[in-house]
Amino acid sequence: MSGSLPKVVVTRRLPGVSLSRLESLAAVPAPPPDHPLPHEELLRRVPGAAGILCTLADRIDASLMEAAGPGLRVVSNYAVGVNNIDLAEASRRGIRVCNTPDVLTQATADLGFALLLAAARKFSDAERFLRSGAFTGWDPWGFLGVPVYGATLGIVGMGKIGGAIAARAAGFGMRVLYHNRRPLPPERESVLCASYRGLDELLAESDFVILCVPLTRETRGMIDRERLQRMKPTAVLVNIARGEVVDEEALARALSEGGIFAAGLDVYEREPAVHPDLLAAPSAVLLPHVGSATTETRERMGRLATENLLAVLAGAAPPCAVN
């Protein structure tokens, strides 16, 4: 019977992605591994595939679409961002690309605000100090941070995640600024209690800056040496967008030289590698890309990625189409 079913390649075992559900409607010729597939192995697996369910670690480029052949109809990404997929090439070939927005908004906003707090109060430095056995008692000069309550928060990218962070900021009495490609409608600004600023103005005015932008040609390298120099020496930078938005070497230098106070990062320029200067930089809270890492969120992502893929294969509109 499986010979009559469309072939689907699942690139990795994922929470919420039920193989039994997929196999009731599609042929899954190989069990997905527990690790990212090398691109060469993925090229060997995709010929004849009608659908691919992938992660942001998988490069879905023209060579892979060519290897899959003309029957490839859908690429369902287990992520919100789709910068790992050549969208222009997919559209040219008539391949639907889908993602998993909304279901991870709250978990990612929680993580962004947690990074803000941890960086402001030097939690990573303090924890390392304690675990090393150096703690000998309360120190009035130990690990002095910067205040969060009543501070000015600049959100770069006021989409759904940015809006969820703005809602959390209200509980800390924060003044909220934001930067987008274009200002939000006045009624939306009113709901968020947020004021628009140009990017350079936002950087100069904010005590905390959280990056929530997608990775595009315009945002790649957006936070470089010059932009970091516009920030206050007491400011904290948080990146929950994509690593390539920030020049890691420039950020490490800014931290080491006191150009900014601290940084909290969940994403990196060349994941999984992290620039060695950044690893050694003081006042940096570094997490291994765990923005959506709650059991509920990851399972909802898997279910949505599955529904997207199966909908397209059935000739229906997917819940979350990108193109």
Protein backbone atom coordinates (compact mmCIF):
# COMPACT_ATOMS: atom_id res chain seq x y z
CA MET A 1 0.00 0.00 0.00
CA SER A 2 2.89 2.38 0.84
CA GLY A 3 3.91 2.45 -2.82
CA SER A 4 0.76 4.49 -3.60
CA LEU A 5 1.38 6.96 -0.81
CA PRO A 6 3.43 10.15 -1.23
CA LYS A 7 6.96 9.92 0.12
CA VAL A 8 7.80 12.14 3.09
CA VAL A 9 11.25 12.77 4.55
CA VAL A 10 11.42 13.75 8.23
CA THR A 11 14.90 15.06 8.90
CA ARG A 12 14.99 14.54 12.68
CA ARG A 13 12.94 12.94 15.45
CA LEU A 14 10.90 15.80 16.87
CA PRO A 15 8.47 16.39 19.75
CA GLY A 16 4.87 16.36 18.56
CA VAL A 17 5.65 14.78 15.17
CA SER A 18 3.82 11.47 15.17
CA LEU A 19 5.27 8.96 12.70
CA SER A 20 2.15 6.80 13.01
CA ARG A 21 0.01 9.75 11.95
CA LEU A 22 2.30 10.53 9.03
CA GLU A 23 2.46 6.89 7.96
CA SER A 24 -1.31 6.65 7.83
CA LEU A 25 -1.25 9.12 4.94
CA ALA A 26 2.30 9.04 3.60
CA ALA A 27 5.29 6.77 3.16
CA VAL A 28 8.17 7.56 5.53
CA PRO A 29 10.95 5.36 4.12
CA ALA A 30 13.51 5.87 6.90
CA PRO A 31 13.10 6.61 10.62
CA PRO A 32 14.32 10.10 11.47
CA PRO A 33 17.57 10.26 13.45
CA ASP A 34 18.12 11.90 16.84
CA HIS A 35 20.67 14.33 15.37
CA PRO A 36 20.85 16.76 12.45
CA LEU A 37 21.46 15.08 9.10
CA PRO A 38 24.53 16.19 7.15
CA HIS A 39 23.48 17.96 3.96
CA GLU A 40 24.99 15.18 1.84
CA GLU A 41 22.90 12.56 3.63
CA LEU A 42 19.77 14.67 3.22
CA LEU A 43 20.51 14.91 -0.51
CA ARG A 44 20.58 11.10 -0.64
CA ARG A 45 17.27 10.76 1.20
CA VAL A 46 15.06 13.25 -0.67
CA PRO A 47 14.81 11.90 -4.27
CA GLY A 48 11.15 11.24 -5.02
CA ALA A 49 9.90 13.04 -1.92
CA ALA A 50 6.59 14.87 -2.08
CA GLY A 51 7.13 16.46 1.33
CA ILE A 52 9.94 17.34 3.70
CA LEU A 53 9.47 18.05 7.39
CA CYS A 54 12.65 19.78 8.51
CA THR A 55 14.23 21.95 11.18
CA LEU A 56 16.09 25.24 11.00
CA ALA A 57 19.35 23.23 11.06
CA ASP A 58 18.53 21.79 7.61
CA ARG A 59 19.60 23.77 4.55
CA ILE A 60 16.77 23.48 2.04
CA ASP A 61 18.44 25.04 -0.99
CA ALA A 62 18.16 24.74 -4.75
CA SER A 63 20.43 21.70 -4.85
CA LEU A 64 18.19 19.84 -2.42
CA MET A 65 15.01 20.79 -4.26
CA GLU A 66 16.62 19.60 -7.48
CA ALA A 67 17.63 16.32 -5.84
CA ALA A 68 14.06 15.79 -4.60
CA GLY A 69 12.71 16.15 -8.10
CA PRO A 70 9.58 17.71 -9.60
CA GLY A 71 7.25 15.87 -7.23
CA LEU A 72 8.30 17.91 -4.19
CA ARG A 73 5.21 19.84 -3.11
CA VAL A 74 5.79 21.02 0.45
CA VAL A 75 8.56 21.89 2.89
CA SER A 76 7.23 22.14 6.45
CA ASN A 77 9.69 23.87 8.77
CA TYR A 78 9.68 23.10 12.50
CA ALA A 79 10.37 26.76 13.32
CA VAL A 80 9.00 30.26 12.82
CA GLY A 81 11.98 31.56 10.87
CA VAL A 82 12.55 30.15 7.40
CA ASN A 83 15.98 31.59 6.62
CA ASN A 84 17.24 28.00 6.17
CA ILE A 85 15.00 27.67 3.09
CA ASP A 86 15.51 29.27 -0.32
CA LEU A 87 12.05 30.79 -0.55
CA ALA A 88 12.55 32.29 -3.99
CA GLU A 89 13.58 28.92 -5.41
CA ALA A 90 10.71 27.15 -3.66
CA SER A 91 8.20 29.62 -5.09
CA ARG A 92 9.73 29.28 -8.55
CA ARG A 93 9.25 25.52 -8.36
CA GLY A 94 5.72 25.76 -6.94
CA ILE A 95 6.74 24.28 -3.59
CA ARG A 96 4.73 25.39 -0.57
CA VAL A 97 6.76 26.43 2.46
CA CYS A 98 5.12 26.34 5.89
CA ASN A 99 6.24 27.27 9.40
CA THR A 100 5.06 27.12 13.03
CA PRO A 101 4.29 30.66 14.26
CA ASP A 102 2.14 31.66 17.23
CA VAL A 103 2.53 28.41 19.17
CA LEU A 104 5.97 29.45 20.43
CA THR A 105 5.29 33.15 21.02
CA GLN A 106 4.79 33.00 24.78
CA ALA A 107 7.64 30.59 25.52
CA THR A 108 10.07 32.65 23.47
CA ALA A 109 8.92 35.88 25.10
CA ASP A 110 9.42 34.27 28.52
CA LEU A 111 12.96 33.31 27.53
CA GLY A 112 13.72 36.79 26.20
CA PHE A 113 12.64 38.43 29.41
CA ALA A 114 14.51 35.83 31.46
CA LEU A 115 17.70 36.68 29.56
CA LEU A 116 17.08 40.37 30.20
CA LEU A 117 16.80 39.75 33.95
CA ALA A 118 19.72 37.34 34.09
CA ALA A 119 22.04 39.69 32.20
CA ALA A 120 20.95 42.75 34.19
CA ARG A 121 21.72 41.00 37.49
CA LYS A 122 24.86 39.08 36.37
CA PHE A 123 23.28 35.72 37.17
CA SER A 124 25.67 33.65 35.04
CA ASP A 125 28.78 35.25 36.53
CA ALA A 126 27.38 34.87 40.04
CA GLU A 127 26.42 31.23 39.56
CA ARG A 128 29.85 30.34 38.16
CA PHE A 129 31.41 32.08 41.16
CA LEU A 130 29.34 30.06 43.61
CA ARG A 131 29.86 26.72 41.85
CA SER A 132 33.62 27.30 41.77
CA GLY A 133 33.67 27.33 45.57
CA ALA A 134 34.69 30.99 45.76
CA PHE A 135 31.60 32.14 47.69
CA THR A 136 32.55 33.00 51.30
CA GLY A 137 29.51 35.03 52.27
CA TRP A 138 27.55 38.14 51.45
CA ASP A 139 29.56 40.87 49.74
CA PRO A 140 28.17 44.41 49.46
CA TRP A 141 30.24 44.87 46.28
CA GLY A 142 29.48 41.51 44.71
CA PHE A 143 27.91 41.25 41.27
CA LEU A 144 26.26 44.64 41.18
CA GLY A 145 23.75 44.81 38.36
CA VAL A 146 21.54 47.41 36.72
CA PRO A 147 17.88 48.06 37.63
CA VAL A 148 15.10 46.64 35.48
CA TYR A 149 11.99 48.14 37.07
CA GLY A 150 11.17 51.50 35.51
CA ALA A 151 13.91 51.23 32.86
CA THR A 152 13.50 51.90 29.13
CA LEU A 153 13.14 48.83 26.94
CA GLY A 154 13.79 48.99 23.20
CA ILE A 155 12.22 46.18 21.15
CA VAL A 156 13.64 45.74 17.65
CA GLY A 157 10.96 43.88 15.73
CA MET A 158 7.52 44.47 17.23
CA GLY A 159 5.81 41.38 15.87
CA LYS A 160 3.97 38.81 17.96
CA ILE A 161 6.96 37.93 20.11
CA GLY A 162 7.93 41.58 20.49
CA GLY A 163 4.38 42.39 21.52
CA ALA A 164 4.40 39.59 24.09
CA ILE A 165 7.64 41.01 25.54
CA ALA A 166 6.08 44.47 25.70
CA ALA A 167 3.21 42.99 27.72
CA ARG A 168 5.70 41.52 30.20
CA ALA A 169 7.53 44.84 30.41
CA ALA A 170 4.34 46.50 31.67
CA GLY A 171 4.59 44.46 34.86
CA PHE A 172 8.05 45.94 35.46
CA GLY A 173 6.88 49.52 34.91
CA MET A 174 9.11 49.82 31.86
CA ARG A 175 8.89 52.51 29.21
CA VAL A 176 8.72 50.71 25.85
CA LEU A 177 10.21 51.89 22.57
CA TYR A 178 10.17 49.86 19.38
CA HIS A 179 11.61 49.79 15.89
CA ASN A 180 10.04 48.18 12.83
CA ARG A 181 10.40 48.67 9.12
CA ARG A 182 7.35 50.89 9.50
CA PRO A 183 5.43 52.20 12.54
CA LEU A 184 2.48 50.26 13.87
CA PRO A 185 -1.05 51.69 13.65
CA PRO A 186 -1.70 54.16 16.51
CA GLU A 187 -4.30 51.88 18.08
CA ARG A 188 -1.76 49.02 18.27
CA GLU A 189 0.85 51.35 19.77
CA SER A 190 -1.72 52.36 22.37
CA VAL A 191 -2.44 48.75 23.33
CA LEU A 192 1.28 48.01 23.69
CA CYS A 193 2.03 51.35 25.38
CA ALA A 194 4.96 51.63 22.95
CA SER A 195 6.52 54.51 21.00
CA TYR A 196 8.25 54.21 17.63
CA ARG A 197 11.90 55.18 17.17
CA GLY A 198 14.45 54.93 14.40
CA LEU A 199 16.93 52.17 15.14
CA ASP A 200 19.87 54.41 16.04
CA GLU A 201 17.66 56.56 18.24
CA LEU A 202 16.26 53.47 20.00
CA LEU A 203 19.74 52.12 20.68
CA ALA A 204 20.90 55.40 22.18
CA GLU A 205 17.81 55.86 24.35
CA SER A 206 17.23 52.33 25.69
CA ASP A 207 18.52 50.71 28.85
CA PHE A 208 17.66 47.29 27.44
CA VAL A 209 17.46 46.26 23.79
CA ILE A 210 15.79 42.99 22.72
CA LEU A 211 16.17 41.79 19.13
CA CYS A 212 13.11 39.97 17.74
CA VAL A 213 13.58 40.51 13.99
CA PRO A 214 13.59 37.83 11.27
CA LEU A 215 16.87 37.24 9.46
CA THR A 216 16.80 39.10 6.14
CA ARG A 217 19.32 40.92 3.97
CA GLU A 218 18.42 44.08 5.87
CA THR A 219 18.82 42.61 9.34
CA ARG A 220 21.95 40.51 8.77
CA GLY A 221 24.74 42.22 10.71
CA MET A 222 22.33 44.91 11.90
CA ILE A 223 24.01 45.21 15.30
CA ASP A 224 27.62 45.90 14.36
CA ARG A 225 30.46 47.84 15.99
CA GLU A 226 29.02 51.24 15.08
CA ARG A 227 25.55 50.36 16.36
CA LEU A 228 26.94 48.95 19.61
CA GLN A 229 28.80 52.22 20.13
CA ARG A 230 25.45 54.04 20.08
CA MET A 231 24.27 52.12 23.14
CA LYS A 232 24.71 53.31 26.72
CA PRO A 233 27.63 51.81 28.67
CA THR A 234 24.99 50.68 31.20
CA ALA A 235 22.81 49.03 28.53
CA VAL A 236 21.99 45.34 28.08
CA LEU A 237 21.56 43.67 24.68
CA VAL A 238 19.39 40.55 24.31
CA ASN A 239 19.20 38.51 21.11
CA ILE A 240 16.41 35.95 20.62
CA ALA A 241 16.15 36.55 16.86
CA ARG A 242 18.87 34.93 14.76
CA GLY A 243 22.57 34.94 15.54
CA GLU A 244 23.54 36.55 12.26
CA VAL A 245 21.77 39.76 13.29
CA VAL A 246 24.67 40.53 15.68
CA ASP A 247 28.40 40.79 14.97
CA GLU A 248 29.65 38.48 17.74
CA GLU A 249 33.23 39.70 17.60
CA ALA A 250 32.12 43.31 17.92
CA LEU A 251 29.79 42.39 20.78
CA ALA A 252 32.55 40.54 22.64
CA ARG A 253 34.80 43.59 22.29
CA ALA A 254 32.04 45.92 23.53
CA LEU A 255 31.55 43.72 26.61
CA SER A 256 35.27 43.43 27.31
CA GLU A 257 35.90 47.15 26.92
CA GLY A 258 32.83 48.29 28.87
CA GLY A 259 31.03 49.62 25.82
CA ILE A 260 27.83 48.01 27.11
CA PHE A 261 27.03 46.48 30.49
CA ALA A 262 25.91 42.96 29.58
CA ALA A 263 24.36 40.72 26.94
CA GLY A 264 21.98 37.78 26.91
CA LEU A 265 22.09 35.52 23.85
CA ASP A 266 20.15 32.44 22.79
CA VAL A 267 21.31 32.40 19.14
CA TYR A 268 24.70 32.66 17.42
CA GLU A 269 26.23 33.65 14.10
CA ARG A 270 27.59 30.22 13.23
CA GLU A 271 25.59 27.80 15.35
CA PRO A 272 26.52 25.58 17.03
CA ALA A 273 29.91 27.35 17.13
CA VAL A 274 30.21 30.43 19.35
CA HIS A 275 32.94 33.00 18.84
CA PRO A 276 35.70 32.26 21.42
CA ASP A 277 35.94 35.94 22.38
CA LEU A 278 32.25 35.89 23.22
CA LEU A 279 32.66 32.76 25.34
CA ALA A 280 35.37 34.56 27.30
CA ALA A 281 33.58 37.91 27.53
CA PRO A 282 32.41 39.13 30.94
CA SER A 283 28.74 39.69 31.75
CA ALA A 284 27.46 37.47 28.93
CA VAL A 285 24.57 35.09 29.57
CA LEU A 286 24.79 32.43 26.85
CA LEU A 287 22.09 29.81 26.24
CA PRO A 288 22.03 26.99 23.63
CA HIS A 289 19.05 28.12 21.48
CA VAL A 290 16.31 27.15 23.93
CA GLY A 291 13.80 29.92 23.20
CA SER A 292 10.86 27.60 22.54
CA ALA A 293 12.06 24.82 24.85
CA THR A 294 9.03 23.85 26.86
CA THR A 295 7.45 20.45 26.38
CA GLU A 296 4.06 21.94 25.53
CA THR A 297 5.47 24.40 23.01
CA ARG A 298 7.69 21.91 21.19
CA GLU A 299 4.86 19.38 20.94
CA ARG A 300 2.51 22.02 19.55
CA MET A 301 5.17 22.96 17.01
CA GLY A 302 5.42 19.33 15.93
CA ARG A 303 1.69 18.93 15.57
CA LEU A 304 1.45 22.12 13.53
CA ALA A 305 4.37 21.14 11.29
CA THR A 306 2.67 17.80 10.67
CA GLU A 307 -0.70 19.41 9.88
CA ASN A 308 0.95 21.84 7.47
CA LEU A 309 2.63 19.05 5.56
CA LEU A 310 -0.37 16.73 5.41
CA ALA A 311 -2.72 19.54 4.37
CA VAL A 312 -0.63 20.38 1.31
CA LEU A 313 -0.28 16.72 0.35
CA ALA A 314 -4.08 16.41 0.58
CA GLY A 315 -4.55 19.41 -1.70
CA ALA A 316 -5.83 21.65 1.10
CA ALA A 317 -4.65 25.02 2.40
CA PRO A 318 -2.08 24.56 5.20
CA PRO A 319 -2.70 26.28 8.54
CA CYS A 320 0.52 28.35 8.28
CA ALA A 321 1.85 28.97 4.78
CA VAL A 322 4.83 31.25 4.14
CA ASN A 323 4.51 31.43 0.34
